C-alpha atoms as a PDB file:
ATOM      1  CA  MET A   1      97.055  91.935 -26.916  1.00  0.00           C
ATOM      2  CA  ASN A   2      96.651  95.303 -28.618  1.00  0.00           C
ATOM      3  CA  CYS A   3      93.358  97.132 -29.041  1.00  0.00           C
ATOM      4  CA  PRO A   4      91.768  96.368 -32.439  1.00  0.00           C
ATOM      5  CA  THR A   5      90.782 100.050 -32.852  1.00  0.00           C
ATOM      6  CA  CYS A   6      93.701 102.177 -31.647  1.00  0.00           C
ATOM      7  CA  ASN A   7      96.411  99.476 -31.415  1.00  0.00           C
ATOM      8  CA  HIS A   8      97.437 100.467 -27.856  1.00  0.00           C
ATOM      9  CA  HIS A   9      98.191  97.784 -25.310  1.00  0.00           C
ATOM     10  CA  ASN A  10      96.673  99.572 -22.278  1.00  0.00           C
ATOM     11  CA  HIS A  11      93.454  97.772 -21.410  1.00  0.00           C
ATOM     12  CA  ASN A  12      91.385  96.479 -18.515  1.00  0.00           C
ATOM     13  CA  GLU A  13      89.580  93.166 -18.362  1.00  0.00           C
ATOM     14  CA  VAL A  14      85.916  93.509 -17.434  1.00  0.00           C
ATOM     15  CA  ASP A  15      84.390  90.642 -15.458  1.00  0.00           C
ATOM     16  CA  LEU A  16      80.700  90.260 -16.391  1.00  0.00           C
ATOM     17  CA  HIS A  17      78.423  87.747 -14.692  1.00  0.00           C
ATOM     18  CA  SER A  18      74.861  87.118 -15.821  1.00  0.00           C
ATOM     19  CA  ASP A  19      72.979  84.011 -14.720  1.00  0.00           C
ATOM     20  CA  GLY A  20      76.278  82.256 -14.003  1.00  0.00           C
ATOM     21  CA  PHE A  21      77.773  83.117 -17.416  1.00  0.00           C
ATOM     22  CA  ALA A  22      81.153  84.828 -17.509  1.00  0.00           C
ATOM     23  CA  GLU A  23      83.348  85.660 -20.475  1.00  0.00           C
ATOM     24  CA  GLY A  24      86.580  87.623 -20.855  1.00  0.00           C
ATOM     25  CA  ILE A  25      85.527  91.096 -21.950  1.00  0.00           C
ATOM     26  CA  ILE A  26      88.356  93.599 -22.505  1.00  0.00           C
ATOM     27  CA  GLU A  27      88.071  97.401 -22.527  1.00  0.00           C
ATOM     28  CA  CYS A  28      90.758  99.693 -23.918  1.00  0.00           C
ATOM     29  CA  SER A  29      91.593 102.397 -21.387  1.00  0.00           C
ATOM     30  CA  ASP A  30      92.820 104.691 -24.188  1.00  0.00           C
ATOM     31  CA  CYS A  31      89.922 104.768 -26.686  1.00  0.00           C
ATOM     32  CA  GLY A  32      87.122 102.914 -24.849  1.00  0.00           C
ATOM     33  CA  THR A  33      86.655 100.062 -27.352  1.00  0.00           C
ATOM     34  CA  ILE A  34      85.197  96.913 -25.772  1.00  0.00           C
ATOM     35  CA  TRP A  35      86.013  93.529 -27.303  1.00  0.00           C
ATOM     36  CA  THR A  36      86.422  89.845 -26.617  1.00  0.00           C
ATOM     37  CA  ASN A  37      89.130  87.511 -27.860  1.00  0.00           C
ATOM     38  CA  LYS A  38      87.841  83.957 -28.008  1.00  0.00           C
ATOM     39  CA  LEU A  39      89.951  81.235 -29.613  1.00  0.00           C
ATOM     40  CA  GLY A  40      92.087  83.881 -31.345  1.00  0.00           C
ATOM     41  CA  GLN A  41      89.090  85.587 -32.976  1.00  0.00           C
ATOM     42  CA  VAL A  42      88.559  89.243 -32.003  1.00  0.00           C
ATOM     43  CA  ASN A  43      84.931  90.370 -31.730  1.00  0.00           C
ATOM     44  CA  VAL A  44      84.385  94.098 -31.163  1.00  0.00           C
ATOM     45  CA  ILE A  45      81.358  94.687 -28.929  1.00  0.00           C
ATOM     46  CA  ASN A  46      81.410  98.477 -28.682  1.00  0.00           C
ATOM     47  CA  LYS A  47      83.496 100.873 -30.753  1.00  0.00           C
ATOM     48  CA  PRO A  48      83.193 104.458 -29.494  1.00  0.00           C
ATOM     49  CA  VAL A  49      82.203 107.153 -31.950  1.00  0.00           C
ATOM     50  CA  GLN A  50      84.471 110.187 -31.954  1.00  0.00           C
ATOM     51  CA  LEU A  51      82.559 113.449 -32.122  1.00  0.00           C
ATOM     52  CA  GLN A  52      83.795 116.098 -34.498  1.00  0.00           C
ATOM     53  CA  THR A  53      83.448 119.721 -33.496  1.00  0.00           C
ATOM     54  CA  ALA A  54      82.380 122.237 -36.112  1.00  0.00           C
ATOM     55  CA  ALA A  55      84.753 125.142 -36.711  1.00  0.00           C
ATOM     56  CA  ALA A  56      83.071 128.453 -36.026  1.00  0.00           C
END
């Protein structure tokens, strides 16, 4: 599956456990977006903000 933000296919699955609850959380190693894909529906959890530098 490709990243919903940058469309790259390089990603790592993050294994989260909280009170016995675990869900497939995926993090893009290119842009840092974190999302889940449950039943074919993509839900973005964290979309990184790119900082713009001011030209001097």
